[in-house]
């Protein structure tokens, strides 16, 4: 699959990006099919070949979420912005998949653990007898 994405060029601590189209599986910094433009994040300037971008999109090429948002912002294409989720921190990802707390909350769980062991065993015996 072909994809339009940004390839980093420039000096250390002063990045510049090229808008390139290449195979999704290939190395980003290897050979690309075509250079479609450039982006300077410091000045927020985008120089893009609009006809070539529209041509590749009409041929079924995809875009990275960052490129999609950038092209929409600069009004080269129309659509809605997409939320990029690739570079999430591990703590944020773990917080979303964290299991829910007990129904009564942590206070109820602490109160239950404070019951004497004798009461807990008696309750288990009563449940077993009821069955």
N, C-alpha and C. Protein backbone atom coordinates (compact mmCIF):
# COMPACT_ATOMS: atom_id res chain seq x y z
N UNK A 1 0.84 -1.17 0.00
CA UNK A 1 0.00 0.00 0.00
C UNK A 1 0.89 1.24 0.00
N UNK A 2 0.51 2.20 -0.77
CA UNK A 2 1.23 3.47 -0.81
C UNK A 2 0.69 4.41 0.26
N UNK A 3 1.59 5.17 0.84
CA UNK A 3 1.18 6.09 1.90
C UNK A 3 1.97 7.39 1.78
N UNK A 4 1.28 8.49 2.03
CA UNK A 4 1.92 9.80 2.05
C UNK A 4 2.26 10.09 3.51
N UNK A 5 3.54 10.37 3.77
CA UNK A 5 3.96 10.63 5.14
C UNK A 5 5.13 11.59 5.17
N UNK A 6 5.53 11.97 6.38
CA UNK A 6 6.62 12.91 6.56
C UNK A 6 7.92 12.16 6.81
N UNK A 7 8.99 12.58 6.13
CA UNK A 7 10.33 12.04 6.36
C UNK A 7 11.18 13.16 6.92
N UNK A 8 11.82 12.92 8.04
CA UNK A 8 12.60 13.97 8.71
C UNK A 8 13.92 14.19 8.00
N UNK A 9 14.22 15.46 7.79
CA UNK A 9 15.53 15.88 7.28
C UNK A 9 15.95 17.07 8.11
N UNK A 10 17.10 17.60 7.90
CA UNK A 10 17.52 18.78 8.63
C UNK A 10 18.54 18.46 9.70
N UNK A 11 18.92 19.47 10.45
CA UNK A 11 19.95 19.34 11.47
C UNK A 11 19.38 18.85 12.79
N UNK A 12 20.29 18.55 13.69
CA UNK A 12 19.89 18.15 15.03
C UNK A 12 19.22 19.34 15.72
N UNK A 13 18.12 19.11 16.40
CA UNK A 13 17.33 20.13 17.09
C UNK A 13 16.72 21.17 16.15
N UNK A 14 16.76 20.95 14.86
CA UNK A 14 16.11 21.84 13.90
C UNK A 14 15.55 20.99 12.76
N UNK A 15 14.47 20.28 13.03
CA UNK A 15 13.95 19.37 12.01
C UNK A 15 13.22 20.09 10.89
N UNK A 16 13.33 19.53 9.73
CA UNK A 16 12.52 19.88 8.57
C UNK A 16 11.98 18.56 8.06
N UNK A 17 10.86 18.59 7.40
CA UNK A 17 10.24 17.35 6.93
C UNK A 17 9.95 17.43 5.44
N UNK A 18 10.09 16.29 4.78
CA UNK A 18 9.69 16.15 3.39
C UNK A 18 8.38 15.39 3.35
N UNK A 19 7.51 15.79 2.48
CA UNK A 19 6.27 15.07 2.22
C UNK A 19 6.59 14.08 1.11
N UNK A 20 6.59 12.78 1.42
CA UNK A 20 6.97 11.77 0.43
C UNK A 20 5.87 10.73 0.30
N UNK A 21 5.87 10.06 -0.83
CA UNK A 21 5.00 8.91 -1.02
C UNK A 21 5.89 7.70 -1.24
N UNK A 22 5.60 6.65 -0.48
CA UNK A 22 6.39 5.42 -0.58
C UNK A 22 5.55 4.24 -0.11
N UNK A 23 6.11 3.05 -0.25
CA UNK A 23 5.44 1.86 0.25
C UNK A 23 5.39 1.93 1.77
N UNK A 24 4.30 1.48 2.35
CA UNK A 24 4.13 1.54 3.80
C UNK A 24 5.15 0.67 4.52
N UNK A 25 5.50 -0.47 3.94
CA UNK A 25 6.40 -1.41 4.59
C UNK A 25 7.87 -1.00 4.42
N UNK A 26 8.18 -0.17 3.46
CA UNK A 26 9.57 0.20 3.19
C UNK A 26 10.10 1.21 4.20
N UNK A 27 11.42 1.29 4.25
CA UNK A 27 12.09 2.23 5.14
C UNK A 27 11.73 3.66 4.74
N UNK A 28 11.39 4.45 5.72
CA UNK A 28 10.97 5.83 5.48
C UNK A 28 12.09 6.67 4.89
N UNK A 29 13.31 6.38 5.27
CA UNK A 29 14.43 7.20 4.84
C UNK A 29 15.17 6.59 3.65
N UNK A 30 14.63 5.52 3.10
CA UNK A 30 15.19 4.94 1.90
C UNK A 30 14.66 5.67 0.68
N UNK A 31 14.61 4.95 -0.43
CA UNK A 31 14.10 5.58 -1.64
C UNK A 31 12.58 5.69 -1.56
N UNK A 32 12.07 6.79 -2.05
CA UNK A 32 10.62 7.00 -2.10
C UNK A 32 10.22 7.17 -3.55
N UNK A 33 8.95 6.98 -3.84
CA UNK A 33 8.48 7.13 -5.21
C UNK A 33 8.58 8.56 -5.69
N UNK A 34 8.18 9.49 -4.81
CA UNK A 34 8.17 10.88 -5.22
C UNK A 34 8.17 11.80 -4.00
N UNK A 35 8.81 12.94 -4.14
CA UNK A 35 8.77 13.97 -3.10
C UNK A 35 7.64 14.94 -3.48
N UNK A 36 6.68 15.08 -2.56
CA UNK A 36 5.49 15.89 -2.84
C UNK A 36 5.55 17.29 -2.26
N UNK A 37 6.50 17.55 -1.38
CA UNK A 37 6.60 18.87 -0.79
C UNK A 37 7.48 18.85 0.44
N UNK A 38 7.42 19.93 1.22
CA UNK A 38 8.21 20.02 2.45
C UNK A 38 7.41 20.78 3.50
N UNK A 39 7.78 20.56 4.78
CA UNK A 39 7.10 21.20 5.89
C UNK A 39 8.14 21.68 6.89
N UNK A 40 8.04 22.94 7.28
CA UNK A 40 8.91 23.52 8.29
C UNK A 40 8.06 23.75 9.55
N UNK A 41 8.26 22.93 10.61
CA UNK A 41 7.42 23.08 11.80
C UNK A 41 7.71 24.34 12.61
N UNK A 42 8.88 24.94 12.42
CA UNK A 42 9.20 26.17 13.16
C UNK A 42 8.40 27.35 12.63
N UNK A 43 8.36 27.47 11.30
CA UNK A 43 7.62 28.57 10.69
C UNK A 43 6.19 28.16 10.33
N UNK A 44 5.87 26.90 10.53
CA UNK A 44 4.54 26.35 10.19
C UNK A 44 4.21 26.56 8.72
N UNK A 45 5.20 26.41 7.86
CA UNK A 45 4.98 26.58 6.42
C UNK A 45 4.98 25.23 5.73
N UNK A 46 4.06 25.07 4.82
CA UNK A 46 3.96 23.86 4.04
C UNK A 46 4.05 24.23 2.57
N UNK A 47 5.02 23.65 1.89
CA UNK A 47 5.13 23.81 0.44
C UNK A 47 4.78 22.46 -0.14
N UNK A 48 3.66 22.40 -0.85
CA UNK A 48 3.18 21.12 -1.36
C UNK A 48 2.73 21.25 -2.81
N UNK A 49 2.92 20.18 -3.55
CA UNK A 49 2.45 20.10 -4.92
C UNK A 49 1.02 19.55 -4.87
N UNK A 50 0.03 20.44 -4.87
CA UNK A 50 -1.36 20.05 -4.68
C UNK A 50 -1.85 19.07 -5.72
N UNK A 51 -1.47 19.26 -6.97
CA UNK A 51 -1.95 18.36 -8.04
C UNK A 51 -1.44 16.94 -7.82
N UNK A 52 -0.16 16.81 -7.44
CA UNK A 52 0.42 15.48 -7.22
C UNK A 52 -0.22 14.79 -6.01
N UNK A 53 -0.49 15.56 -4.96
CA UNK A 53 -1.12 14.97 -3.77
C UNK A 53 -2.51 14.45 -4.12
N UNK A 54 -3.29 15.27 -4.83
CA UNK A 54 -4.64 14.84 -5.23
C UNK A 54 -4.59 13.66 -6.19
N UNK A 55 -3.57 13.64 -7.06
CA UNK A 55 -3.42 12.52 -7.99
C UNK A 55 -3.19 11.22 -7.23
N UNK A 56 -2.26 11.22 -6.27
CA UNK A 56 -1.95 10.00 -5.53
C UNK A 56 -3.12 9.57 -4.65
N UNK A 57 -3.85 10.53 -4.10
CA UNK A 57 -5.02 10.17 -3.30
C UNK A 57 -6.10 9.55 -4.16
N UNK A 58 -6.25 10.03 -5.40
CA UNK A 58 -7.25 9.45 -6.30
C UNK A 58 -6.86 8.04 -6.73
N UNK A 59 -5.57 7.73 -6.67
CA UNK A 59 -5.09 6.40 -7.02
C UNK A 59 -5.16 5.42 -5.86
N UNK A 60 -5.64 5.87 -4.71
CA UNK A 60 -5.83 4.98 -3.57
C UNK A 60 -4.74 5.03 -2.52
N UNK A 61 -3.87 6.02 -2.58
CA UNK A 61 -2.82 6.13 -1.57
C UNK A 61 -3.43 6.60 -0.25
N UNK A 62 -2.85 6.16 0.85
CA UNK A 62 -3.29 6.58 2.18
C UNK A 62 -2.43 7.71 2.69
N UNK A 63 -2.77 8.19 3.87
CA UNK A 63 -1.99 9.25 4.51
C UNK A 63 -1.79 8.91 5.97
N UNK A 64 -0.69 9.38 6.52
CA UNK A 64 -0.50 9.25 7.96
C UNK A 64 -1.44 10.25 8.62
N UNK A 65 -1.81 10.02 9.88
CA UNK A 65 -2.71 10.96 10.55
C UNK A 65 -2.14 12.38 10.62
N UNK A 66 -0.84 12.51 10.80
CA UNK A 66 -0.22 13.83 10.87
C UNK A 66 -0.34 14.56 9.54
N UNK A 67 -0.07 13.86 8.45
CA UNK A 67 -0.18 14.47 7.12
C UNK A 67 -1.63 14.83 6.83
N UNK A 68 -2.55 13.96 7.20
CA UNK A 68 -3.97 14.23 7.00
C UNK A 68 -4.37 15.53 7.70
N UNK A 69 -4.00 15.67 8.97
CA UNK A 69 -4.35 16.87 9.73
C UNK A 69 -3.67 18.11 9.15
N UNK A 70 -2.45 17.96 8.70
CA UNK A 70 -1.71 19.09 8.13
C UNK A 70 -2.34 19.56 6.83
N UNK A 71 -2.73 18.62 5.96
CA UNK A 71 -3.35 18.99 4.68
C UNK A 71 -4.73 19.60 4.88
N UNK A 72 -5.46 19.13 5.88
CA UNK A 72 -6.78 19.71 6.18
C UNK A 72 -6.60 21.12 6.73
N UNK A 73 -5.61 21.30 7.60
CA UNK A 73 -5.36 22.62 8.19
C UNK A 73 -4.97 23.65 7.13
N UNK A 74 -4.20 23.22 6.14
CA UNK A 74 -3.75 24.13 5.07
C UNK A 74 -4.75 24.18 3.91
N UNK A 75 -5.90 23.51 4.08
CA UNK A 75 -7.01 23.53 3.12
C UNK A 75 -6.62 23.00 1.74
N UNK A 76 -5.75 21.99 1.73
CA UNK A 76 -5.40 21.32 0.47
C UNK A 76 -6.44 20.24 0.18
N UNK A 77 -6.91 19.57 1.23
CA UNK A 77 -7.99 18.60 1.10
C UNK A 77 -9.07 18.96 2.10
N UNK A 78 -10.24 18.34 1.95
CA UNK A 78 -11.35 18.57 2.87
C UNK A 78 -11.59 17.30 3.67
N UNK A 79 -12.09 17.47 4.88
CA UNK A 79 -12.40 16.34 5.73
C UNK A 79 -12.27 16.72 7.18
N UNK A 80 -12.31 15.69 8.03
CA UNK A 80 -12.17 15.90 9.47
C UNK A 80 -10.77 15.51 9.91
N UNK A 81 -10.29 16.16 10.94
CA UNK A 81 -8.99 15.81 11.49
C UNK A 81 -9.09 14.47 12.21
N UNK A 82 -7.96 13.76 12.24
CA UNK A 82 -7.89 12.44 12.85
C UNK A 82 -6.99 12.52 14.06
N UNK A 83 -7.33 11.76 15.09
CA UNK A 83 -6.49 11.73 16.28
C UNK A 83 -5.38 10.70 16.07
N UNK A 84 -4.14 11.16 16.13
CA UNK A 84 -2.99 10.27 15.98
C UNK A 84 -2.75 9.57 17.32
N UNK A 85 -2.66 8.24 17.32
CA UNK A 85 -2.53 7.49 18.57
C UNK A 85 -1.25 6.68 18.65
N UNK A 86 -0.35 6.88 17.76
CA UNK A 86 0.82 6.02 17.70
C UNK A 86 1.80 6.27 18.84
N UNK A 87 2.10 7.49 19.18
CA UNK A 87 3.14 7.81 20.14
C UNK A 87 2.57 8.08 21.53
N UNK A 88 1.79 7.13 22.03
CA UNK A 88 1.23 7.30 23.36
C UNK A 88 2.20 6.77 24.39
N UNK A 89 2.20 7.39 25.56
CA UNK A 89 3.06 6.94 26.64
C UNK A 89 2.47 5.69 27.25
N UNK A 90 3.31 4.77 27.77
CA UNK A 90 2.79 3.53 28.35
C UNK A 90 1.83 3.75 29.51
N UNK A 91 2.05 4.77 30.33
CA UNK A 91 1.16 5.00 31.47
C UNK A 91 -0.24 5.39 31.01
N UNK A 92 -0.34 6.18 29.93
CA UNK A 92 -1.65 6.58 29.42
C UNK A 92 -2.40 5.37 28.87
N UNK A 93 -1.68 4.49 28.18
CA UNK A 93 -2.32 3.31 27.62
C UNK A 93 -2.77 2.37 28.73
N UNK A 94 -1.98 2.23 29.80
CA UNK A 94 -2.34 1.35 30.91
C UNK A 94 -3.54 1.90 31.67
N UNK A 95 -3.64 3.22 31.78
CA UNK A 95 -4.75 3.83 32.52
C UNK A 95 -6.07 3.58 31.82
N UNK A 96 -6.06 3.52 30.49
CA UNK A 96 -7.30 3.29 29.76
C UNK A 96 -7.77 1.84 29.88
N UNK A 97 -6.83 0.90 30.00
CA UNK A 97 -7.20 -0.52 30.06
C UNK A 97 -7.29 -1.02 31.49
N UNK A 98 -7.17 -0.14 32.47
CA UNK A 98 -7.22 -0.51 33.88
C UNK A 98 -8.62 -1.01 34.22
N UNK A 99 -8.73 -2.16 34.91
CA UNK A 99 -10.06 -2.67 35.25
C UNK A 99 -10.78 -1.76 36.24
N UNK A 100 -12.09 -1.79 36.17
CA UNK A 100 -12.92 -0.94 37.04
C UNK A 100 -12.81 -1.41 38.48
N UNK A 101 -12.99 -0.49 39.42
CA UNK A 101 -12.93 -0.82 40.84
C UNK A 101 -14.22 -1.53 41.24
N UNK A 102 -14.25 -2.17 42.41
CA UNK A 102 -15.46 -2.85 42.87
C UNK A 102 -16.64 -1.89 42.94
N UNK A 103 -17.84 -2.46 42.95
CA UNK A 103 -19.06 -1.65 42.88
C UNK A 103 -19.16 -0.63 44.01
N UNK A 104 -18.75 -1.00 45.18
CA UNK A 104 -18.84 -0.10 46.32
C UNK A 104 -17.67 0.85 46.42
N UNK A 105 -16.69 0.68 45.61
CA UNK A 105 -15.52 1.54 45.66
C UNK A 105 -14.48 1.01 46.63
N UNK A 106 -13.37 1.68 46.77
CA UNK A 106 -12.30 1.20 47.63
C UNK A 106 -12.66 1.19 49.11
N UNK A 107 -13.53 2.09 49.54
CA UNK A 107 -13.91 2.13 50.96
C UNK A 107 -14.62 0.84 51.35
N UNK A 108 -15.49 0.34 50.48
CA UNK A 108 -16.22 -0.88 50.80
C UNK A 108 -15.28 -2.08 50.81
N UNK A 109 -14.33 -2.11 49.91
CA UNK A 109 -13.38 -3.21 49.86
C UNK A 109 -12.54 -3.24 51.13
N UNK A 110 -12.13 -2.06 51.64
CA UNK A 110 -11.35 -1.99 52.87
C UNK A 110 -12.18 -2.46 54.05
N UNK A 111 -13.44 -2.06 54.10
CA UNK A 111 -14.31 -2.45 55.21
C UNK A 111 -14.50 -3.96 55.24
N UNK A 112 -14.63 -4.57 54.07
CA UNK A 112 -14.82 -6.01 54.01
C UNK A 112 -13.56 -6.74 54.45
N UNK A 113 -12.39 -6.22 54.09
CA UNK A 113 -11.14 -6.87 54.49
C UNK A 113 -10.89 -6.69 55.99
N UNK A 114 -11.55 -5.74 56.62
CA UNK A 114 -11.37 -5.51 58.05
C UNK A 114 -12.21 -6.47 58.89
N UNK A 115 -13.13 -7.23 58.28
CA UNK A 115 -13.92 -8.19 59.04
C UNK A 115 -13.01 -9.25 59.65
N UNK A 116 -13.34 -9.68 60.83
CA UNK A 116 -12.54 -10.75 61.44
C UNK A 116 -12.65 -12.02 60.61
N UNK A 117 -11.59 -12.81 60.66
CA UNK A 117 -11.53 -14.05 59.87
C UNK A 117 -12.64 -15.02 60.28
N UNK A 118 -13.02 -15.02 61.54
CA UNK A 118 -14.06 -15.93 62.02
C UNK A 118 -15.39 -15.65 61.32
N UNK A 119 -15.71 -14.38 61.15
CA UNK A 119 -16.97 -14.02 60.48
C UNK A 119 -16.94 -14.48 59.02
N UNK A 120 -15.79 -14.35 58.38
CA UNK A 120 -15.67 -14.75 56.98
C UNK A 120 -15.88 -16.25 56.82
N UNK A 121 -15.29 -17.04 57.72
CA UNK A 121 -15.43 -18.48 57.60
C UNK A 121 -16.85 -18.92 57.92
N UNK A 122 -17.48 -18.24 58.89
CA UNK A 122 -18.87 -18.56 59.21
C UNK A 122 -19.80 -18.27 58.03
N UNK A 123 -19.53 -17.16 57.34
CA UNK A 123 -20.34 -16.81 56.19
C UNK A 123 -20.18 -17.85 55.08
N UNK A 124 -18.98 -18.36 54.89
CA UNK A 124 -18.73 -19.38 53.86
C UNK A 124 -19.45 -20.67 54.22
N UNK A 125 -19.43 -21.05 55.50
CA UNK A 125 -20.09 -22.26 55.93
C UNK A 125 -21.61 -22.15 55.73
N UNK A 126 -22.17 -20.97 56.04
CA UNK A 126 -23.59 -20.76 55.87
C UNK A 126 -23.98 -20.85 54.39
N UNK A 127 -23.16 -20.33 53.49
CA UNK A 127 -23.42 -20.42 52.06
C UNK A 127 -23.39 -21.87 51.60
N UNK A 128 -22.43 -22.64 52.10
CA UNK A 128 -22.28 -24.05 51.71
C UNK A 128 -23.49 -24.86 52.21
N UNK A 129 -23.96 -24.56 53.43
CA UNK A 129 -25.10 -25.26 53.97
C UNK A 129 -26.38 -24.94 53.21
N UNK A 130 -26.49 -23.72 52.72
CA UNK A 130 -27.69 -23.31 51.98
C UNK A 130 -27.78 -24.02 50.64
N UNK A 131 -26.66 -24.39 50.09
CA UNK A 131 -26.66 -25.09 48.78
C UNK A 131 -27.00 -26.51 49.01
